[in-house]
Each structure stands twice: as structure tokens, then as C-alpha cells.
């Protein structure tokens, strides 16, 4: 019993000391698994390949819509575009929708986004 308690305490301490994982999510227009090196693609992407080896890759991901903007909304909210309000291309989510930003910020993450967005309204995604 004493050993079990000691083991449990070691696990609790190590979990509490563990740092939050870093999250980097890369989305590129017209980019498929056939393009990036870590998926066996033709492009030479050594830095992305290194990140993939140290982290996690999506290997069974499917888009929820055949257009870029609704797919981004889907990825950021976890909702089908028809549920978030962003089903037509270049439209906006309903104002009450919560995105990944709303879930990560309270956990102490600094969340940012750069490049092409095509997502609205800004309040849903807290992009400033």
C-alpha cells in the first residue's frame, strides 16, 4: 500500500510539473498530404517535418465543406459550418459561437493567428 501511494504521488507531481504542450496548427490553401514532406509529399519541408516528428500529425482528417472559408470555420470551432452559420464561402459564424481561442485562453495559452483568415466575426475568433 505504501508503494502504491508513493507511485501515485510521483505521478501526480510529474503531471503537475509537466508543461502545457505547444500547439502549432498550419493551414495552407490547396495543400494536401501529397505536398508536405512528413506525409510523403514532394515538397521539401524540413522544418515542418521536424515539428511532425516531435509532435502529432493528423492522418485521418476530412474537411467539412468543399470550400476554404467554411472549412476554416469548422476547424476553429469544431462545428459543421451549417451549425456555426458559416456554410456559404466568405461568410460569418453566428456571434454566440465559441472558437478554440475561447477554450485555450483560459488555460493560459497565448493565441494568435497570422496570414489568410477569411473568418468572421472577430469576436468569435478573438483576432485583434
C-alpha atoms as a PDB file:
ATOM      1  CA  UNK A   1       0.000   0.000   0.000  1.00  0.00           C
ATOM      2  CA  UNK A   2       2.854   2.363   0.839  1.00  0.00           C
ATOM      3  CA  UNK A   3       4.474   1.691  -2.561  1.00  0.00           C
ATOM      4  CA  UNK A   4       1.199   2.352  -4.345  1.00  0.00           C
ATOM      5  CA  UNK A   5       0.816   5.655  -2.506  1.00  0.00           C
ATOM      6  CA  UNK A   6       4.399   6.648  -3.377  1.00  0.00           C
ATOM      7  CA  UNK A   7       3.854   5.746  -7.028  1.00  0.00           C
ATOM      8  CA  UNK A   8       0.638   7.777  -7.084  1.00  0.00           C
ATOM      9  CA  UNK A   9       2.414  10.786  -5.552  1.00  0.00           C
ATOM     10  CA  UNK A  10       5.230  10.571  -8.118  1.00  0.00           C
ATOM     11  CA  UNK A  11       2.680  10.508 -10.935  1.00  0.00           C
ATOM     12  CA  UNK A  12       0.796  13.493  -9.518  1.00  0.00           C
ATOM     13  CA  UNK A  13       3.948  15.554  -9.056  1.00  0.00           C
ATOM     14  CA  UNK A  14       5.284  14.739 -12.521  1.00  0.00           C
ATOM     15  CA  UNK A  15       1.948  15.608 -14.118  1.00  0.00           C
ATOM     16  CA  UNK A  16       1.780  18.911 -12.261  1.00  0.00           C
ATOM     17  CA  UNK A  17       5.327  19.784 -13.362  1.00  0.00           C
ATOM     18  CA  UNK A  18       4.680  18.882 -16.964  1.00  0.00           C
ATOM     19  CA  UNK A  19       4.484  21.957 -19.173  1.00  0.00           C
ATOM     20  CA  UNK A  20       1.452  22.621 -21.298  1.00  0.00           C
ATOM     21  CA  UNK A  21       2.081  21.355 -24.824  1.00  0.00           C
ATOM     22  CA  UNK A  22       2.815  23.911 -27.514  1.00  0.00           C
ATOM     23  CA  UNK A  23       0.247  23.916 -30.280  1.00  0.00           C
ATOM     24  CA  UNK A  24       1.079  24.994 -33.825  1.00  0.00           C
ATOM     25  CA  UNK A  25      -1.619  24.465 -36.394  1.00  0.00           C
ATOM     26  CA  UNK A  26      -0.665  25.086 -40.024  1.00  0.00           C
ATOM     27  CA  UNK A  27      -3.314  25.543 -42.708  1.00  0.00           C
ATOM     28  CA  UNK A  28      -2.419  26.319 -46.321  1.00  0.00           C
ATOM     29  CA  UNK A  29      -4.724  26.800 -49.282  1.00  0.00           C
ATOM     30  CA  UNK A  30      -4.739  23.978 -51.798  1.00  0.00           C
ATOM     31  CA  UNK A  31      -2.226  21.988 -49.769  1.00  0.00           C
ATOM     32  CA  UNK A  32      -2.811  18.276 -49.402  1.00  0.00           C
ATOM     33  CA  UNK A  33      -0.974  15.421 -47.710  1.00  0.00           C
ATOM     34  CA  UNK A  34       0.671  14.799 -51.094  1.00  0.00           C
ATOM     35  CA  UNK A  35       2.526  18.106 -50.834  1.00  0.00           C
ATOM     36  CA  UNK A  36       4.232  18.104 -47.417  1.00  0.00           C
ATOM     37  CA  UNK A  37       7.351  16.038 -46.783  1.00  0.00           C
ATOM     38  CA  UNK A  38       6.268  14.467 -43.480  1.00  0.00           C
ATOM     39  CA  UNK A  39       3.293  12.918 -45.294  1.00  0.00           C
ATOM     40  CA  UNK A  40       5.453  11.610 -48.135  1.00  0.00           C
ATOM     41  CA  UNK A  41       4.826  14.601 -50.366  1.00  0.00           C
ATOM     42  CA  UNK A  42       7.120  16.090 -52.964  1.00  0.00           C
ATOM     43  CA  UNK A  43       7.867  19.433 -51.282  1.00  0.00           C
ATOM     44  CA  UNK A  44      10.988  19.771 -49.195  1.00  0.00           C
ATOM     45  CA  UNK A  45       9.690  20.916 -45.821  1.00  0.00           C
ATOM     46  CA  UNK A  46      12.469  20.126 -43.316  1.00  0.00           C
ATOM     47  CA  UNK A  47      11.174  22.382 -40.531  1.00  0.00           C
ATOM     48  CA  UNK A  48       7.610  21.107 -40.786  1.00  0.00           C
ATOM     49  CA  UNK A  49       8.994  17.547 -40.947  1.00  0.00           C
ATOM     50  CA  UNK A  50      10.959  18.160 -37.747  1.00  0.00           C
ATOM     51  CA  UNK A  51       7.874  19.531 -35.989  1.00  0.00           C
ATOM     52  CA  UNK A  52       5.900  16.489 -37.151  1.00  0.00           C
ATOM     53  CA  UNK A  53       8.497  14.093 -35.724  1.00  0.00           C
ATOM     54  CA  UNK A  54       8.418  15.824 -32.357  1.00  0.00           C
ATOM     55  CA  UNK A  55       4.666  16.261 -32.210  1.00  0.00           C
ATOM     56  CA  UNK A  56       1.436  14.956 -33.629  1.00  0.00           C
ATOM     57  CA  UNK A  57       0.199  14.729 -37.214  1.00  0.00           C
ATOM     58  CA  UNK A  58      -3.364  14.425 -38.415  1.00  0.00           C
ATOM     59  CA  UNK A  59      -3.664  11.305 -40.542  1.00  0.00           C
ATOM     60  CA  UNK A  60      -7.438  10.950 -40.724  1.00  0.00           C
ATOM     61  CA  UNK A  61      -8.711  14.464 -41.241  1.00  0.00           C
ATOM     62  CA  UNK A  62     -11.514  15.311 -43.620  1.00  0.00           C
ATOM     63  CA  UNK A  63     -12.896  18.732 -44.413  1.00  0.00           C
ATOM     64  CA  UNK A  64     -16.494  19.528 -43.626  1.00  0.00           C
ATOM     65  CA  UNK A  65     -17.120  21.634 -46.713  1.00  0.00           C
ATOM     66  CA  UNK A  66     -15.749  21.821 -50.264  1.00  0.00           C
ATOM     67  CA  UNK A  67     -14.713  25.466 -49.764  1.00  0.00           C
ATOM     68  CA  UNK A  68     -11.884  27.118 -47.852  1.00  0.00           C
ATOM     69  CA  UNK A  69     -13.705  29.555 -45.555  1.00  0.00           C
ATOM     70  CA  UNK A  70     -16.323  27.118 -44.176  1.00  0.00           C
ATOM     71  CA  UNK A  71     -13.535  24.582 -43.627  1.00  0.00           C
ATOM     72  CA  UNK A  72     -11.551  27.111 -41.572  1.00  0.00           C
ATOM     73  CA  UNK A  73     -14.647  27.885 -39.512  1.00  0.00           C
ATOM     74  CA  UNK A  74     -15.102  24.148 -38.956  1.00  0.00           C
ATOM     75  CA  UNK A  75     -11.521  23.641 -37.806  1.00  0.00           C
ATOM     76  CA  UNK A  76     -11.569  26.618 -35.429  1.00  0.00           C
ATOM     77  CA  UNK A  77     -14.996  25.919 -33.892  1.00  0.00           C
ATOM     78  CA  UNK A  78     -15.303  22.142 -34.074  1.00  0.00           C
ATOM     79  CA  UNK A  79     -18.760  22.607 -35.594  1.00  0.00           C
ATOM     80  CA  UNK A  80     -20.100  21.789 -39.011  1.00  0.00           C
ATOM     81  CA  UNK A  81     -20.438  25.044 -40.985  1.00  0.00           C
ATOM     82  CA  UNK A  82     -24.236  24.671 -41.070  1.00  0.00           C
ATOM     83  CA  UNK A  83     -24.218  24.691 -37.243  1.00  0.00           C
ATOM     84  CA  UNK A  84     -21.865  27.681 -36.895  1.00  0.00           C
ATOM     85  CA  UNK A  85     -23.644  29.739 -39.553  1.00  0.00           C
ATOM     86  CA  UNK A  86     -20.645  29.853 -41.890  1.00  0.00           C
ATOM     87  CA  UNK A  87     -21.737  27.430 -44.592  1.00  0.00           C
ATOM     88  CA  UNK A  88     -21.500  29.719 -47.658  1.00  0.00           C
ATOM     89  CA  UNK A  89     -17.982  30.706 -48.648  1.00  0.00           C
ATOM     90  CA  UNK A  90     -16.687  34.023 -47.208  1.00  0.00           C
ATOM     91  CA  UNK A  91     -19.472  34.422 -44.644  1.00  0.00           C
ATOM     92  CA  UNK A  92     -19.587  34.705 -40.867  1.00  0.00           C
ATOM     93  CA  UNK A  93     -20.298  32.498 -37.901  1.00  0.00           C
ATOM     94  CA  UNK A  94     -23.155  33.293 -35.569  1.00  0.00           C
ATOM     95  CA  UNK A  95     -21.997  35.761 -32.854  1.00  0.00           C
ATOM     96  CA  UNK A  96     -22.679  33.317 -29.981  1.00  0.00           C
ATOM     97  CA  UNK A  97     -20.341  30.622 -31.380  1.00  0.00           C
ATOM     98  CA  UNK A  98     -17.195  29.810 -29.395  1.00  0.00           C
ATOM     99  CA  UNK A  99     -13.916  29.012 -31.111  1.00  0.00           C
ATOM    100  CA  UNK A 100     -10.767  27.246 -29.977  1.00  0.00           C
ATOM    101  CA  UNK A 101      -9.492  30.622 -28.733  1.00  0.00           C
ATOM    102  CA  UNK A 102     -12.241  30.711 -26.080  1.00  0.00           C
ATOM    103  CA  UNK A 103     -11.110  27.325 -24.801  1.00  0.00           C
ATOM    104  CA  UNK A 104      -7.337  27.859 -24.872  1.00  0.00           C
ATOM    105  CA  UNK A 105      -7.034  31.384 -23.421  1.00  0.00           C
ATOM    106  CA  UNK A 106      -8.493  30.435 -20.004  1.00  0.00           C
ATOM    107  CA  UNK A 107      -5.901  27.642 -19.866  1.00  0.00           C
ATOM    108  CA  UNK A 108      -3.122  30.220 -20.093  1.00  0.00           C
ATOM    109  CA  UNK A 109      -2.324  29.929 -23.788  1.00  0.00           C
ATOM    110  CA  UNK A 110      -1.411  32.945 -25.881  1.00  0.00           C
ATOM    111  CA  UNK A 111      -3.346  32.521 -29.091  1.00  0.00           C
ATOM    112  CA  UNK A 112      -2.564  34.286 -32.331  1.00  0.00           C
ATOM    113  CA  UNK A 113      -3.269  33.914 -35.989  1.00  0.00           C
ATOM    114  CA  UNK A 114      -1.363  35.176 -38.967  1.00  0.00           C
ATOM    115  CA  UNK A 115      -1.804  35.158 -42.710  1.00  0.00           C
ATOM    116  CA  UNK A 116      -5.021  34.480 -44.537  1.00  0.00           C
ATOM    117  CA  UNK A 117      -8.010  34.148 -42.266  1.00  0.00           C
ATOM    118  CA  UNK A 118     -11.354  34.567 -44.068  1.00  0.00           C
ATOM    119  CA  UNK A 119     -13.195  34.017 -40.809  1.00  0.00           C
ATOM    120  CA  UNK A 120     -15.644  36.369 -39.139  1.00  0.00           C
ATOM    121  CA  UNK A 121     -16.836  37.903 -36.886  1.00  0.00           C
ATOM    122  CA  UNK A 122     -13.717  38.835 -34.996  1.00  0.00           C
ATOM    123  CA  UNK A 123     -15.453  38.361 -31.620  1.00  0.00           C
ATOM    124  CA  UNK A 124     -15.912  34.645 -32.296  1.00  0.00           C
ATOM    125  CA  UNK A 125     -12.239  34.170 -33.060  1.00  0.00           C
ATOM    126  CA  UNK A 126     -10.833  36.983 -30.881  1.00  0.00           C
ATOM    127  CA  UNK A 127      -8.499  38.143 -33.622  1.00  0.00           C
ATOM    128  CA  UNK A 128      -7.076  41.589 -32.886  1.00  0.00           C
END
